[in-house]
Amino acid sequence: MNKLNEYRKKNQLSQLELARKVNVSRQTINLIENNKYNPSLNLCINICLALGATLDDIFWEE
């Protein structure tokens, strides 16, 4: 489970807006949020940069 949905909403971005910032489709963001797609490390880093968060903030499970 990840916190992408939470951080995306905190930044007031739609799935489409975030997708455009990181150069993927809206469907890819949706799949990541629903834990149906395992993104590459590069994509994870780009998402974190776009949201002003760290990898641990969004993708680390406790």
PDB file of N, CA and C in Angstrom:
ATOM      1  N   MET A   1       0.838  -1.185   0.000  1.00  0.00           N
ATOM      2  CA  MET A   1       0.000   0.000   0.000  1.00  0.00           C
ATOM      3  C   MET A   1       0.882   1.247   0.000  1.00  0.00           C
ATOM      4  N   ASN A   2       0.471   2.259  -0.741  1.00  0.00           N
ATOM      5  CA  ASN A   2       1.231   3.511  -0.781  1.00  0.00           C
ATOM      6  C   ASN A   2       0.305   4.667  -0.417  1.00  0.00           C
ATOM      7  N   LYS A   3       0.889   5.826  -0.266  1.00  0.00           N
ATOM      8  CA  LYS A   3       0.132   7.014   0.138  1.00  0.00           C
ATOM      9  C   LYS A   3       0.035   8.032  -0.995  1.00  0.00           C
ATOM     10  N   LEU A   4       0.131   7.556  -2.225  1.00  0.00           N
ATOM     11  CA  LEU A   4       0.111   8.455  -3.371  1.00  0.00           C
ATOM     12  C   LEU A   4      -1.180   9.263  -3.426  1.00  0.00           C
ATOM     13  N   ASN A   5      -2.307   8.615  -3.241  1.00  0.00           N
ATOM     14  CA  ASN A   5      -3.588   9.311  -3.294  1.00  0.00           C
ATOM     15  C   ASN A   5      -3.640  10.431  -2.262  1.00  0.00           C
ATOM     16  N   GLU A   6      -3.207  10.140  -1.059  1.00  0.00           N
ATOM     17  CA  GLU A   6      -3.199  11.132   0.028  1.00  0.00           C
ATOM     18  C   GLU A   6      -2.328  12.340  -0.319  1.00  0.00           C
ATOM     19  N   TYR A   7      -1.118  12.093  -0.802  1.00  0.00           N
ATOM     20  CA  TYR A   7      -0.206  13.196  -1.123  1.00  0.00           C
ATOM     21  C   TYR A   7      -0.652  13.963  -2.358  1.00  0.00           C
ATOM     22  N   ARG A   8      -1.243  13.263  -3.317  1.00  0.00           N
ATOM     23  CA  ARG A   8      -1.753  13.938  -4.517  1.00  0.00           C
ATOM     24  C   ARG A   8      -2.870  14.902  -4.134  1.00  0.00           C
ATOM     25  N   LYS A   9      -3.783  14.441  -3.292  1.00  0.00           N
ATOM     26  CA  LYS A   9      -4.891  15.301  -2.862  1.00  0.00           C
ATOM     27  C   LYS A   9      -4.403  16.447  -1.987  1.00  0.00           C
ATOM     28  N   LYS A  10      -3.384  16.184  -1.160  1.00  0.00           N
ATOM     29  CA  LYS A  10      -2.818  17.239  -0.313  1.00  0.00           C
ATOM     30  C   LYS A  10      -2.247  18.357  -1.178  1.00  0.00           C
ATOM     31  N   ASN A  11      -1.726  17.986  -2.348  1.00  0.00           N
ATOM     32  CA  ASN A  11      -1.169  18.961  -3.291  1.00  0.00           C
ATOM     33  C   ASN A  11      -2.227  19.497  -4.260  1.00  0.00           C
ATOM     34  N   GLN A  12      -3.467  19.113  -4.037  1.00  0.00           N
ATOM     35  CA  GLN A  12      -4.600  19.566  -4.842  1.00  0.00           C
ATOM     36  C   GLN A  12      -4.398  19.311  -6.333  1.00  0.00           C
ATOM     37  N   LEU A  13      -3.965  18.097  -6.642  1.00  0.00           N
ATOM     38  CA  LEU A  13      -3.762  17.696  -8.031  1.00  0.00           C
ATOM     39  C   LEU A  13      -4.718  16.563  -8.384  1.00  0.00           C
ATOM     40  N   SER A  14      -5.246  16.598  -9.586  1.00  0.00           N
ATOM     41  CA  SER A  14      -6.017  15.459 -10.088  1.00  0.00           C
ATOM     42  C   SER A  14      -5.032  14.402 -10.569  1.00  0.00           C
ATOM     43  N   GLN A  15      -5.548  13.219 -10.817  1.00  0.00           N
ATOM     44  CA  GLN A  15      -4.690  12.170 -11.372  1.00  0.00           C
ATOM     45  C   GLN A  15      -4.102  12.624 -12.708  1.00  0.00           C
ATOM     46  N   LEU A  16      -4.903  13.274 -13.510  1.00  0.00           N
ATOM     47  CA  LEU A  16      -4.429  13.744 -14.819  1.00  0.00           C
ATOM     48  C   LEU A  16      -3.331  14.791 -14.676  1.00  0.00           C
ATOM     49  N   GLU A  17      -3.505  15.722 -13.761  1.00  0.00           N
ATOM     50  CA  GLU A  17      -2.486  16.759 -13.559  1.00  0.00           C
ATOM     51  C   GLU A  17      -1.162  16.158 -13.104  1.00  0.00           C
ATOM     52  N   LEU A  18      -1.217  15.218 -12.170  1.00  0.00           N
ATOM     53  CA  LEU A  18       0.009  14.566 -11.716  1.00  0.00           C
ATOM     54  C   LEU A  18       0.627  13.761 -12.852  1.00  0.00           C
ATOM     55  N   ALA A  19      -0.199  13.053 -13.580  1.00  0.00           N
ATOM     56  CA  ALA A  19       0.291  12.249 -14.704  1.00  0.00           C
ATOM     57  C   ALA A  19       1.047  13.122 -15.711  1.00  0.00           C
ATOM     58  N   ARG A  20       0.508  14.271 -16.005  1.00  0.00           N
ATOM     59  CA  ARG A  20       1.168  15.173 -16.957  1.00  0.00           C
ATOM     60  C   ARG A  20       2.494  15.684 -16.413  1.00  0.00           C
ATOM     61  N   LYS A  21       2.571  15.923 -15.101  1.00  0.00           N
ATOM     62  CA  LYS A  21       3.820  16.395 -14.492  1.00  0.00           C
ATOM     63  C   LYS A  21       4.931  15.354 -14.584  1.00  0.00           C
ATOM     64  N   VAL A  22       4.554  14.069 -14.551  1.00  0.00           N
ATOM     65  CA  VAL A  22       5.572  13.009 -14.543  1.00  0.00           C
ATOM     66  C   VAL A  22       5.600  12.212 -15.855  1.00  0.00           C
ATOM     67  N   ASN A  23       4.871  12.701 -16.852  1.00  0.00           N
ATOM     68  CA  ASN A  23       4.891  12.117 -18.203  1.00  0.00           C
ATOM     69  C   ASN A  23       4.445  10.665 -18.277  1.00  0.00           C
ATOM     70  N   VAL A  24       3.318  10.380 -17.616  1.00  0.00           N
ATOM     71  CA  VAL A  24       2.675   9.066 -17.751  1.00  0.00           C
ATOM     72  C   VAL A  24       1.187   9.311 -17.983  1.00  0.00           C
ATOM     73  N   SER A  25       0.438   8.243 -18.205  1.00  0.00           N
ATOM     74  CA  SER A  25      -1.003   8.392 -18.403  1.00  0.00           C
ATOM     75  C   SER A  25      -1.722   8.495 -17.057  1.00  0.00           C
ATOM     76  N   ARG A  26      -2.929   9.021 -17.095  1.00  0.00           N
ATOM     77  CA  ARG A  26      -3.746   9.094 -15.890  1.00  0.00           C
ATOM     78  C   ARG A  26      -4.019   7.691 -15.361  1.00  0.00           C
ATOM     79  N   GLN A  27      -4.177   6.742 -16.277  1.00  0.00           N
ATOM     80  CA  GLN A  27      -4.437   5.361 -15.882  1.00  0.00           C
ATOM     81  C   GLN A  27      -3.277   4.789 -15.069  1.00  0.00           C
ATOM     82  N   THR A  28      -2.050   5.174 -15.409  1.00  0.00           N
ATOM     83  CA  THR A  28      -0.886   4.697 -14.659  1.00  0.00           C
ATOM     84  C   THR A  28      -0.944   5.197 -13.221  1.00  0.00           C
ATOM     85  N   ILE A  29      -1.284   6.454 -13.030  1.00  0.00           N
ATOM     86  CA  ILE A  29      -1.412   7.002 -11.672  1.00  0.00           C
ATOM     87  C   ILE A  29      -2.497   6.252 -10.918  1.00  0.00           C
ATOM     88  N   ASN A  30      -3.625   6.001 -11.577  1.00  0.00           N
ATOM     89  CA  ASN A  30      -4.720   5.270 -10.950  1.00  0.00           C
ATOM     90  C   ASN A  30      -4.277   3.864 -10.537  1.00  0.00           C
ATOM     91  N   LEU A  31      -3.558   3.178 -11.398  1.00  0.00           N
ATOM     92  CA  LEU A  31      -3.096   1.829 -11.082  1.00  0.00           C
ATOM     93  C   LEU A  31      -2.115   1.829  -9.911  1.00  0.00           C
ATOM     94  N   ILE A  32      -1.235   2.823  -9.863  1.00  0.00           N
ATOM     95  CA  ILE A  32      -0.292   2.921  -8.745  1.00  0.00           C
ATOM     96  C   ILE A  32      -1.049   3.155  -7.446  1.00  0.00           C
ATOM     97  N   GLU A  33      -2.010   4.075  -7.469  1.00  0.00           N
ATOM     98  CA  GLU A  33      -2.787   4.385  -6.265  1.00  0.00           C
ATOM     99  C   GLU A  33      -3.548   3.165  -5.758  1.00  0.00           C
ATOM    100  N   ASN A  34      -3.971   2.299  -6.667  1.00  0.00           N
ATOM    101  CA  ASN A  34      -4.740   1.112  -6.295  1.00  0.00           C
ATOM    102  C   ASN A  34      -3.882  -0.144  -6.158  1.00  0.00           C
ATOM    103  N   ASN A  35      -2.565   0.063  -6.105  1.00  0.00           N
ATOM    104  CA  ASN A  35      -1.614  -1.039  -5.915  1.00  0.00           C
ATOM    105  C   ASN A  35      -1.749  -2.149  -6.954  1.00  0.00           C
ATOM    106  N   LYS A  36      -2.028  -1.745  -8.200  1.00  0.00           N
ATOM    107  CA  LYS A  36      -2.136  -2.706  -9.288  1.00  0.00           C
ATOM    108  C   LYS A  36      -0.990  -2.565 -10.284  1.00  0.00           C
ATOM    109  N   TYR A  37      -0.064  -1.665  -9.979  1.00  0.00           N
ATOM    110  CA  TYR A  37       1.091  -1.438 -10.849  1.00  0.00           C
ATOM    111  C   TYR A  37       2.272  -1.077  -9.969  1.00  0.00           C
ATOM    112  N   ASN A  38       3.394  -1.709 -10.228  1.00  0.00           N
ATOM    113  CA  ASN A  38       4.611  -1.452  -9.470  1.00  0.00           C
ATOM    114  C   ASN A  38       5.496  -0.519 -10.304  1.00  0.00           C
ATOM    115  N   PRO A  39       5.532   0.772  -9.959  1.00  0.00           N
ATOM    116  CA  PRO A  39       6.276   1.733 -10.779  1.00  0.00           C
ATOM    117  C   PRO A  39       7.788   1.546 -10.663  1.00  0.00           C
ATOM    118  N   SER A  40       8.492   1.986 -11.676  1.00  0.00           N
ATOM    119  CA  SER A  40       9.954   1.964 -11.643  1.00  0.00           C
ATOM    120  C   SER A  40      10.456   2.953 -10.603  1.00  0.00           C
ATOM    121  N   LEU A  41      11.678   2.768 -10.186  1.00  0.00           N
ATOM    122  CA  LEU A  41      12.275   3.685  -9.215  1.00  0.00           C
ATOM    123  C   LEU A  41      12.315   5.103  -9.786  1.00  0.00           C
ATOM    124  N   ASN A  42      12.636   5.219 -11.063  1.00  0.00           N
ATOM    125  CA  ASN A  42      12.683   6.532 -11.704  1.00  0.00           C
ATOM    126  C   ASN A  42      11.324   7.228 -11.646  1.00  0.00           C
ATOM    127  N   LEU A  43      10.252   6.491 -11.911  1.00  0.00           N
ATOM    128  CA  LEU A  43       8.915   7.074 -11.842  1.00  0.00           C
ATOM    129  C   LEU A  43       8.576   7.447 -10.405  1.00  0.00           C
ATOM    130  N   CYS A  44       8.926   6.615  -9.453  1.00  0.00           N
ATOM    131  CA  CYS A  44       8.686   6.933  -8.036  1.00  0.00           C
ATOM    132  C   CYS A  44       9.384   8.237  -7.651  1.00  0.00           C
ATOM    133  N   ILE A  45      10.611   8.393  -8.079  1.00  0.00           N
ATOM    134  CA  ILE A  45      11.370   9.613  -7.773  1.00  0.00           C
ATOM    135  C   ILE A  45      10.698  10.823  -8.406  1.00  0.00           C
ATOM    136  N   ASN A  46      10.276  10.706  -9.664  1.00  0.00           N
ATOM    137  CA  ASN A  46       9.609  11.818 -10.342  1.00  0.00           C
ATOM    138  C   ASN A  46       8.300  12.199  -9.662  1.00  0.00           C
ATOM    139  N   ILE A  47       7.560  11.209  -9.209  1.00  0.00           N
ATOM    140  CA  ILE A  47       6.314  11.473  -8.485  1.00  0.00           C
ATOM    141  C   ILE A  47       6.614  12.226  -7.194  1.00  0.00           C
ATOM    142  N   CYS A  48       7.612  11.765  -6.466  1.00  0.00           N
ATOM    143  CA  CYS A  48       7.978  12.417  -5.205  1.00  0.00           C
ATOM    144  C   CYS A  48       8.423  13.851  -5.428  1.00  0.00           C
ATOM    145  N   LEU A  49       9.207  14.086  -6.452  1.00  0.00           N
ATOM    146  CA  LEU A  49       9.639  15.453  -6.763  1.00  0.00           C
ATOM    147  C   LEU A  49       8.437  16.335  -7.097  1.00  0.00           C
ATOM    148  N   ALA A  50       7.500  15.803  -7.857  1.00  0.00           N
ATOM    149  CA  ALA A  50       6.315  16.570  -8.244  1.00  0.00           C
ATOM    150  C   ALA A  50       5.428  16.901  -7.044  1.00  0.00           C
ATOM    151  N   LEU A  51       5.467  16.029  -6.030  1.00  0.00           N
ATOM    152  CA  LEU A  51       4.607  16.222  -4.859  1.00  0.00           C
ATOM    153  C   LEU A  51       5.345  16.811  -3.663  1.00  0.00           C
ATOM    154  N   GLY A  52       6.634  17.056  -3.797  1.00  0.00           N
ATOM    155  CA  GLY A  52       7.405  17.613  -2.691  1.00  0.00           C
ATOM    156  C   GLY A  52       7.496  16.669  -1.513  1.00  0.00           C
ATOM    157  N   ALA A  53       7.644  15.399  -1.798  1.00  0.00           N
ATOM    158  CA  ALA A  53       7.706  14.373  -0.759  1.00  0.00           C
ATOM    159  C   ALA A  53       8.917  13.477  -0.991  1.00  0.00           C
ATOM    160  N   THR A  54       9.191  12.613  -0.021  1.00  0.00           N
ATOM    161  CA  THR A  54      10.290  11.660  -0.175  1.00  0.00           C
ATOM    162  C   THR A  54       9.730  10.291  -0.553  1.00  0.00           C
ATOM    163  N   LEU A  55      10.610   9.420  -0.996  1.00  0.00           N
ATOM    164  CA  LEU A  55      10.201   8.048  -1.295  1.00  0.00           C
ATOM    165  C   LEU A  55       9.594   7.393  -0.061  1.00  0.00           C
ATOM    166  N   ASP A  56      10.209   7.631   1.096  1.00  0.00           N
ATOM    167  CA  ASP A  56       9.690   7.066   2.340  1.00  0.00           C
ATOM    168  C   ASP A  56       8.282   7.580   2.635  1.00  0.00           C
ATOM    169  N   ASP A  57       8.045   8.855   2.405  1.00  0.00           N
ATOM    170  CA  ASP A  57       6.731   9.433   2.679  1.00  0.00           C
ATOM    171  C   ASP A  57       5.622   8.709   1.916  1.00  0.00           C
ATOM    172  N   ILE A  58       5.860   8.438   0.655  1.00  0.00           N
ATOM    173  CA  ILE A  58       4.799   7.910  -0.201  1.00  0.00           C
ATOM    174  C   ILE A  58       4.819   6.388  -0.347  1.00  0.00           C
ATOM    175  N   PHE A  59       6.007   5.816  -0.454  1.00  0.00           N
ATOM    176  CA  PHE A  59       6.076   4.403  -0.827  1.00  0.00           C
ATOM    177  C   PHE A  59       6.548   3.437   0.274  1.00  0.00           C
ATOM    178  N   TRP A  60       6.948   3.945   1.423  1.00  0.00           N
ATOM    179  CA  TRP A  60       7.438   3.059   2.479  1.00  0.00           C
ATOM    180  C   TRP A  60       6.281   2.504   3.291  1.00  0.00           C
ATOM    181  N   GLU A  61       6.278   1.197   3.476  1.00  0.00           N
ATOM    182  CA  GLU A  61       5.259   0.545   4.291  1.00  0.00           C
ATOM    183  C   GLU A  61       5.829   0.254   5.661  1.00  0.00           C
ATOM    184  N   GLU A  62       5.061   0.516   6.700  1.00  0.00           N
ATOM    185  CA  GLU A  62       5.528   0.241   8.060  1.00  0.00           C
ATOM    186  C   GLU A  62       4.959  -1.058   8.563  1.00  0.00           C
TER     187      GLU A  62
END
